[in-house]
Protein backbone atom coordinates (compact mmCIF):
# COMPACT_ATOMS: atom_id res chain seq x y z
CA UNK A 1 2.08 12.73 -11.11
CA UNK A 2 -0.14 11.01 -13.67
CA UNK A 3 -1.33 8.03 -11.64
CA UNK A 4 -3.16 6.63 -14.67
CA UNK A 5 0.19 5.73 -16.22
CA UNK A 6 1.02 3.19 -13.49
CA UNK A 7 0.27 -0.29 -14.84
CA UNK A 8 -0.34 -3.67 -13.27
CA UNK A 9 3.04 -4.71 -14.66
CA UNK A 10 4.62 -1.85 -12.71
CA UNK A 11 2.80 -2.86 -9.53
CA UNK A 12 3.77 -6.54 -9.78
CA UNK A 13 7.37 -5.50 -10.47
CA UNK A 14 7.43 -3.22 -7.40
CA UNK A 15 6.22 -6.25 -5.46
CA UNK A 16 4.39 -4.67 -2.54
CA UNK A 17 2.35 -6.81 -0.19
CA UNK A 18 -0.91 -6.15 -2.05
CA UNK A 19 0.70 -7.30 -5.32
CA UNK A 20 2.66 -10.33 -4.14
CA UNK A 21 0.73 -12.22 -1.45
CA UNK A 22 -1.92 -13.55 -3.82
CA UNK A 23 0.23 -14.56 -6.77
CA UNK A 24 -0.92 -12.91 -10.00
CA UNK A 25 -4.29 -11.76 -8.61
CA UNK A 26 -5.12 -8.07 -8.94
CA UNK A 27 -4.57 -6.62 -5.46
CA UNK A 28 -7.44 -4.76 -3.79
CA UNK A 29 -7.25 -5.96 -0.20
CA UNK A 30 -4.40 -4.70 2.03
CA UNK A 31 -4.67 -0.97 2.86
CA UNK A 32 -1.76 0.28 0.79
CA UNK A 33 -1.87 2.87 -1.97
CA UNK A 34 -0.39 2.29 -5.41
CA UNK A 35 0.75 5.89 -5.95
CA UNK A 36 4.35 5.77 -4.76
CA UNK A 37 5.80 8.39 -2.43
CA UNK A 38 5.55 12.16 -2.27
CA UNK A 39 8.70 13.88 -3.49
CA UNK A 40 9.53 15.55 -0.12
CA UNK A 41 9.41 12.15 1.55
CA UNK A 42 11.58 10.52 -1.09
CA UNK A 43 14.08 13.36 -0.87
CA UNK A 44 14.33 13.07 2.93
CA UNK A 45 14.77 9.30 2.80
CA UNK A 46 17.46 9.58 0.12
CA UNK A 47 19.19 12.24 2.22
CA UNK A 48 19.13 9.97 5.26
CA UNK A 49 20.78 7.19 3.25
CA UNK A 50 23.42 9.54 1.86
CA UNK A 51 24.19 10.75 5.40
CA UNK A 52 24.14 7.26 6.87
CA UNK A 53 21.30 8.05 9.28
CA UNK A 54 20.56 4.39 9.92
CA UNK A 55 21.14 4.19 13.66
CA UNK A 56 18.85 4.33 16.65
CA UNK A 57 16.31 7.12 16.96
CA UNK A 58 17.83 10.29 18.39
CA UNK A 59 16.20 12.74 20.84
CA UNK A 60 16.35 15.43 18.16
CA UNK A 61 14.40 13.38 15.62
CA UNK A 62 11.87 12.45 18.28
CA UNK A 63 11.41 16.12 19.12
CA UNK A 64 11.10 17.00 15.44
CA UNK A 65 8.40 14.35 15.09
CA UNK A 66 6.52 15.72 18.08
CA UNK A 67 6.67 19.27 16.72
CA UNK A 68 5.72 18.35 13.16
CA UNK A 69 2.79 16.28 14.46
CA UNK A 70 1.43 19.08 16.65
CA UNK A 71 1.88 21.63 13.87
CA UNK A 72 -0.01 19.34 11.46
CA UNK A 73 -2.85 18.71 13.91
CA UNK A 74 -3.20 22.40 14.61
CA UNK A 75 -3.05 23.50 11.00
CA UNK A 76 -5.33 20.85 9.53
CA UNK A 77 -7.88 20.33 12.30
CA UNK A 78 -7.43 23.18 14.77
CA UNK A 79 -6.47 20.67 17.45
CA UNK A 80 -3.97 22.13 19.89
CA UNK A 81 -1.81 19.64 21.76
CA UNK A 82 1.63 20.11 23.26
CA UNK A 83 4.64 18.20 21.93
CA UNK A 84 5.10 16.36 25.21
CA UNK A 85 1.66 14.77 24.72
CA UNK A 86 2.89 13.08 21.52
CA UNK A 87 4.70 9.75 21.83
CA UNK A 88 6.43 7.87 19.01
CA UNK A 89 5.32 4.25 18.57
CA UNK A 90 5.78 1.69 15.77
CA UNK A 91 2.13 1.49 14.67
CA UNK A 92 -1.45 2.16 15.72
CA UNK A 93 -2.03 -1.36 17.02
CA UNK A 94 0.88 -0.88 19.42
CA UNK A 95 -1.09 2.09 20.76
CA UNK A 96 -4.14 -0.11 21.27
CA UNK A 97 -2.04 -2.62 23.21
CA UNK A 98 -0.65 0.16 25.41
CA UNK A 99 -4.18 1.38 26.05
CA UNK A 100 -5.44 -2.08 27.02
CA UNK A 101 -2.41 -2.79 29.21
CA UNK A 102 -2.16 0.55 31.00
CA UNK A 103 -5.50 2.34 30.85
CA UNK A 104 -8.22 -0.23 31.58
CA UNK A 105 -8.63 -2.94 34.19
CA UNK A 106 -7.87 -6.59 33.32
CA UNK A 107 -11.59 -7.45 33.45
CA UNK A 108 -12.75 -4.53 31.29
CA UNK A 109 -14.42 -5.47 28.03
CA UNK A 110 -13.53 -3.98 24.64
CA UNK A 111 -16.45 -2.63 22.61
CA UNK A 112 -16.02 -2.47 18.83
CA UNK A 113 -18.54 -0.99 16.36
CA UNK A 114 -18.75 -3.34 13.40
CA UNK A 115 -17.91 -3.85 10.57
CA UNK A 116 -14.46 -3.16 11.96
CA UNK A 117 -10.80 -3.24 11.00
CA UNK A 118 -9.89 -6.91 11.22
CA UNK A 119 -7.27 -6.80 14.04
CA UNK A 120 -9.78 -5.01 16.29
CA UNK A 121 -11.73 -8.27 16.26
CA UNK A 122 -8.84 -10.41 17.48
CA UNK A 123 -6.53 -8.18 19.54
CA UNK A 124 -8.79 -7.82 22.64
CA UNK A 125 -9.00 -11.59 23.15
CA UNK A 126 -5.25 -11.96 22.68
CA UNK A 127 -4.79 -9.67 25.70
CA UNK A 128 -7.45 -11.26 27.86
CA UNK A 129 -10.39 -8.91 27.20
CA UNK A 130 -13.88 -9.91 26.15
CA UNK A 131 -14.90 -8.49 22.77
CA UNK A 132 -18.34 -6.88 22.49
CA UNK A 133 -19.58 -6.06 18.99
CA UNK A 134 -22.05 -3.24 18.35
CA UNK A 135 -23.19 -3.37 14.71
CA UNK A 136 -23.56 -0.09 12.86
CA UNK A 137 -26.90 0.76 11.24
CA UNK A 138 -26.94 0.76 7.44
CA UNK A 139 -29.40 3.52 6.49
CA UNK A 140 -30.34 5.02 3.12
CA UNK A 141 -27.05 6.36 1.79
CA UNK A 142 -25.26 6.54 5.13
CA UNK A 143 -23.99 4.62 8.12
CA UNK A 144 -25.35 5.49 11.58
CA UNK A 145 -24.29 4.66 15.12
CA UNK A 146 -26.76 2.58 17.13
CA UNK A 147 -26.48 4.75 20.23
CA UNK A 148 -29.02 2.72 22.22
CA UNK A 149 -27.09 -0.48 21.54
CA UNK A 150 -23.81 1.23 22.38
CA UNK A 151 -25.20 2.50 25.67
CA UNK A 152 -26.60 -0.94 26.51
CA UNK A 153 -23.31 -2.64 25.67
CA UNK A 154 -21.22 -0.50 28.01
CA UNK A 155 -20.28 -1.79 31.41
CA UNK A 156 -18.46 0.20 34.06
CA UNK A 157 -14.96 1.03 32.86
CA UNK A 158 -15.15 -0.69 29.47
CA UNK A 159 -13.07 0.45 26.49
CA UNK A 160 -14.59 1.65 23.22
CA UNK A 161 -12.51 1.33 20.06
CA UNK A 162 -13.42 4.29 17.86
CA UNK A 163 -12.11 4.35 14.29
CA UNK A 164 -12.61 7.69 12.55
CA UNK A 165 -12.70 7.72 9.56
CA UNK A 166 -14.18 4.27 10.01
CA UNK A 167 -12.32 1.40 8.38
CA UNK A 168 -13.86 -0.49 6.51
CA UNK A 169 -17.08 1.47 5.83
CA UNK A 170 -15.57 4.90 5.10
CA UNK A 171 -17.76 6.84 7.54
CA UNK A 172 -16.55 10.18 8.92
CA UNK A 173 -18.23 10.93 12.25
CA UNK A 174 -20.01 14.24 12.81
CA UNK A 175 -19.46 16.49 15.79
CA UNK A 176 -22.90 15.59 17.16
CA UNK A 177 -22.20 11.86 16.84
CA UNK A 178 -18.85 12.21 18.59
CA UNK A 179 -20.41 14.30 21.36
CA UNK A 180 -23.10 11.66 21.94
CA UNK A 181 -20.48 8.92 22.04
CA UNK A 182 -18.53 10.98 24.58
CA UNK A 183 -21.60 11.31 26.80
CA UNK A 184 -22.22 7.55 26.73
CA UNK A 185 -18.60 6.74 27.55
CA UNK A 186 -18.47 9.28 30.35
CA UNK A 187 -21.73 8.01 31.85
CA UNK A 188 -20.19 4.55 32.20
CA UNK A 189 -16.77 5.82 33.34
CA UNK A 190 -15.37 4.21 30.23
CA UNK A 191 -12.36 4.82 28.05
CA UNK A 192 -11.82 5.30 24.31
CA UNK A 193 -9.00 4.09 22.13
CA UNK A 194 -9.32 6.50 19.24
CA UNK A 195 -7.83 5.41 15.91
CA UNK A 196 -7.46 8.38 13.54
CA UNK A 197 -4.92 6.87 11.17
CA UNK A 198 -7.09 7.67 8.13
CA UNK A 199 -7.92 11.21 9.31
CA UNK A 200 -6.17 13.10 6.46
CA UNK A 201 -8.09 11.04 3.88
CA UNK A 202 -11.50 12.73 3.85
CA UNK A 203 -13.40 12.88 0.56
CA UNK A 204 -15.96 15.11 -1.14
CA UNK A 205 -15.93 17.88 1.43
CA UNK A 206 -16.25 15.70 4.54
CA UNK A 207 -14.54 17.23 7.59
CA UNK A 208 -12.58 15.25 10.12
CA UNK A 209 -13.09 16.25 13.75
CA UNK A 210 -10.60 14.81 16.25
CA UNK A 211 -12.52 13.04 19.01
CA UNK A 212 -10.69 14.73 21.93
CA UNK A 213 -11.81 18.16 20.66
CA UNK A 214 -15.57 17.59 21.08
CA UNK A 215 -15.56 17.99 24.87
CA UNK A 216 -13.34 18.09 27.92
CA UNK A 217 -14.74 14.68 28.86
CA UNK A 218 -13.74 13.21 25.49
CA UNK A 219 -10.18 14.46 25.91
CA UNK A 220 -9.97 13.16 29.48
CA UNK A 221 -11.08 9.60 28.72
CA UNK A 222 -9.37 8.99 25.38
CA UNK A 223 -6.03 8.10 23.88
CA UNK A 224 -5.55 8.83 20.19
CA UNK A 225 -3.35 6.96 17.72
CA UNK A 226 -2.46 8.45 14.35
CA UNK A 227 0.20 8.27 11.69
CA UNK A 228 1.19 9.53 8.27
CA UNK A 229 1.25 5.91 7.12
CA UNK A 230 -2.13 5.65 5.36
CA UNK A 231 -2.36 9.11 3.81
CA UNK A 232 1.23 9.02 2.51
CA UNK A 233 1.67 5.26 2.00
CA UNK A 234 4.30 4.71 4.70
CA UNK A 235 2.98 1.63 6.53
CA UNK A 236 6.17 -0.35 6.02
CA UNK A 237 8.30 2.32 7.68
CA UNK A 238 6.79 1.53 11.11
CA UNK A 239 6.07 4.85 12.76
CA UNK A 240 2.94 6.20 14.43
CA UNK A 241 2.06 8.66 17.16
CA UNK A 242 0.12 8.22 20.38
CA UNK A 243 -1.47 11.43 21.67
CA UNK A 244 -2.16 11.30 25.42
CA UNK A 245 -4.85 13.78 26.47
CA UNK A 246 -6.09 12.02 29.61
CA UNK A 247 -3.39 13.38 31.90
CA UNK A 248 -1.65 10.04 32.40
CA UNK A 249 2.07 9.40 32.03
CA UNK A 250 3.48 6.51 30.06
CA UNK A 251 6.32 4.43 31.46
CA UNK A 252 9.46 3.84 29.38
CA UNK A 253 8.57 0.13 29.27
CA UNK A 254 5.26 0.98 27.57
CA UNK A 255 6.90 2.29 24.44
CA UNK A 256 8.70 0.43 21.69
CA UNK A 257 10.87 2.61 19.49
CA UNK A 258 9.71 3.16 15.90
CA UNK A 259 12.07 2.85 12.94
CA UNK A 260 14.34 5.83 12.29
CA UNK A 261 13.43 6.05 8.54
CA UNK A 262 9.75 5.99 9.51
CA UNK A 263 10.17 8.91 11.87
CA UNK A 264 12.01 10.92 9.21
CA UNK A 265 9.35 10.05 6.63
CA UNK A 266 6.49 11.04 8.98
CA UNK A 267 8.20 14.37 9.69
CA UNK A 268 8.52 15.07 5.96
CA UNK A 269 4.90 14.07 5.33
CA UNK A 270 3.48 16.31 8.04
CA UNK A 271 5.76 19.21 7.19
CA UNK A 272 5.80 19.18 3.37
CA UNK A 273 3.44 16.50 2.11
CA UNK A 274 0.05 18.20 1.97
CA UNK A 275 0.22 19.32 -1.70
CA UNK A 276 0.79 15.70 -2.77
CA UNK A 277 -1.98 14.56 -0.44
CA UNK A 278 -4.42 17.02 -2.02
CA UNK A 279 -3.62 15.58 -5.44
CA UNK A 280 -4.19 12.04 -4.15
CA UNK A 281 -7.52 12.94 -2.54
CA UNK A 282 -8.77 14.45 -5.80
CA UNK A 283 -7.76 11.28 -7.61
CA UNK A 284 -9.46 9.06 -5.01
CA UNK A 285 -12.66 11.06 -5.41
CA UNK A 286 -12.52 10.31 -9.12
CA UNK A 287 -11.98 6.63 -8.40
CA UNK A 288 -15.00 6.58 -6.13
CA UNK A 289 -17.12 8.14 -8.87
CA UNK A 290 -15.93 5.37 -11.17
CA UNK A 291 -17.15 2.75 -8.68
CA UNK A 292 -20.53 4.47 -8.46
CA UNK A 293 -20.79 4.62 -12.26
CA UNK A 294 -19.71 1.04 -12.94
CA UNK A 295 -21.44 -0.91 -10.16
CA UNK A 296 -25.00 -0.75 -11.55
CA UNK A 297 -23.75 -2.19 -14.84
CA UNK A 298 -21.03 -4.68 -13.89
CA UNK A 299 -22.32 -5.76 -10.46
CA UNK A 300 -26.06 -4.99 -10.37
CA UNK A 301 -27.53 -5.56 -6.94
CA UNK A 302 -24.29 -4.84 -5.08
CA UNK A 303 -24.88 -2.07 -2.54
CA UNK A 304 -22.31 0.64 -1.88
CA UNK A 305 -22.60 3.64 0.42
CA UNK A 306 -20.08 6.18 -0.93
CA UNK A 307 -17.11 6.87 1.30
CA UNK A 308 -16.71 10.04 3.29
CA UNK A 309 -13.16 9.01 4.12
CA UNK A 310 -10.46 6.36 3.54
CA UNK A 311 -9.89 4.58 0.23
CA UNK A 312 -11.65 1.36 1.27
CA UNK A 313 -15.02 0.68 -0.34
CA UNK A 314 -17.49 -1.60 1.47
CA UNK A 315 -19.49 -3.62 -1.06
CA UNK A 316 -22.52 -5.60 0.10
CA UNK A 317 -22.67 -8.58 -2.26
CA UNK A 318 -25.45 -10.55 -0.58
CA UNK A 319 -27.84 -9.97 -3.49
CA UNK A 320 -25.49 -11.90 -5.79
CA UNK A 321 -26.25 -15.13 -3.89
CA UNK A 322 -22.75 -16.49 -4.51
CA UNK A 323 -21.90 -20.12 -3.71
CA UNK A 324 -18.97 -19.18 -1.43
CA UNK A 325 -17.89 -16.08 0.45
CA UNK A 326 -17.58 -13.15 -1.96
CA UNK A 327 -13.86 -12.75 -1.30
CA UNK A 328 -13.18 -16.41 -2.11
CA UNK A 329 -15.47 -16.26 -5.14
CA UNK A 330 -13.76 -13.20 -6.65
CA UNK A 331 -10.30 -14.63 -5.99
CA UNK A 332 -11.14 -18.01 -7.52
CA UNK A 333 -13.29 -16.80 -10.42
CA UNK A 334 -12.01 -13.28 -11.19
CA UNK A 335 -8.42 -13.47 -9.87
CA UNK A 336 -9.10 -10.36 -7.80
CA UNK A 337 -8.04 -10.23 -4.15
CA UNK A 338 -10.39 -8.33 -1.82
CA UNK A 339 -10.92 -8.55 1.95
CA UNK A 340 -13.57 -10.94 3.25
CA UNK A 341 -16.21 -8.96 5.11
CA UNK A 342 -16.75 -11.81 7.57
CA UNK A 343 -13.36 -10.94 9.07
CA UNK A 344 -14.79 -7.56 10.05
CA UNK A 345 -17.40 -8.85 12.50
CA UNK A 346 -21.14 -9.20 12.70
CA UNK A 347 -22.92 -8.05 9.60
CA UNK A 348 -19.80 -8.39 7.48
CA UNK A 349 -20.66 -11.76 6.02
CA UNK A 350 -21.62 -11.43 2.38
CA UNK A 351 -19.63 -8.21 1.91
CA UNK A 352 -16.11 -7.33 0.81
CA UNK A 353 -13.70 -4.48 1.42
CA UNK A 354 -12.18 -3.18 -1.80
CA UNK A 355 -9.14 -0.90 -1.85
CA UNK A 356 -9.63 1.74 -4.57
CA UNK A 357 -6.31 3.56 -4.05
CA UNK A 358 -5.03 2.25 -7.35
CA UNK A 359 -4.65 3.65 -10.89
CA UNK A 360 -8.05 4.18 -12.51
CA UNK A 361 -7.46 1.76 -15.41
CA UNK A 362 -6.49 -0.91 -12.86
CA UNK A 363 -9.61 -0.20 -10.79
CA UNK A 364 -11.73 -0.47 -13.92
CA UNK A 365 -10.20 -3.86 -14.72
CA UNK A 366 -10.79 -5.05 -11.14
CA UNK A 367 -14.48 -4.14 -11.32
CA UNK A 368 -14.90 -5.59 -14.82
CA UNK A 369 -13.35 -8.89 -13.74
CA UNK A 370 -15.56 -9.06 -10.65
CA UNK A 371 -18.62 -8.29 -12.74
CA UNK A 372 -17.81 -10.86 -15.43
CA UNK A 373 -17.33 -13.60 -12.83
CA UNK A 374 -20.65 -12.76 -11.17
CA UNK A 375 -22.48 -12.77 -14.51
CA UNK A 376 -20.98 -16.15 -15.36
CA UNK A 377 -22.30 -17.49 -12.05
CA UNK A 378 -25.80 -16.21 -12.81
CA UNK A 379 -25.84 -17.56 -16.37
């Protein structure tokens, strides 16, 4: 598909969350893609409507989801898990709640490397757990884990939230980094909630390594949540998978059933969606190059470490010295909606998260509007 042909008029007419919550502002905040659906997914969803498959989830569809998930994990990452280790859940955050409720003690703290996905900052407190932030290190051209700070933050039995690829900074963790994290967690008898929802979206040759594969210890102290929702734009269909590698057994009361169309769409994505995904990744790589080319001209001083994964660019706007938060400034002055970095934890203030999974002409207009508003402020 020629994604360049999708216009802002098309996107406002479709009326997705990113293009309706902020009025007529150009949407670059919520993590949705603007590229529609892969044909195999559309075909399966149309088939389900034609057949009237609108009832409760059946054992057969659950089994098909388990098999398609394990086949995908094996084929794409070389990660071998059995179907009975895969559990259907509505979304990744439901998996985090299960992990906090069933796999750590009530007084365990939740450790989150920041900047972090916004709900990771609020969900621990909502379930009675103290949040501990460990800021990432911004180095020359890359993001690094502060292993000393992580080790110092850990108490006995605490839970680490690991997001790989890392939303919102786009980092893909190396095998050595994951192994070191595993050693720290194991030393403190801790646990890991491992969010790999963006795993299929690696860019420019980066390689995703599932955390449970780096060591036996990593597998034994982690629970992994994943889904086809980000890579194939299926968030609204409410289906994810929880992979249990720690030997525990979930109770029926732990699990809330996902939506039947979401399960069917995830099966189609894992089974037949990789050609479309490859096309999208190539397009995203081109969009990232556009950001790198335009920033020095339209937003000089804004710092950007190119993504290794996801389609969420982290832009440090502190050098612009704006009168308000950057997100508010760009919404008010440029009519562009981006995510406020302050919502992502310590070190996020002064930055924004920009979704670049949009048609290239739209992305160009977003950046031009942001740049023009900043130049007006400086004039």
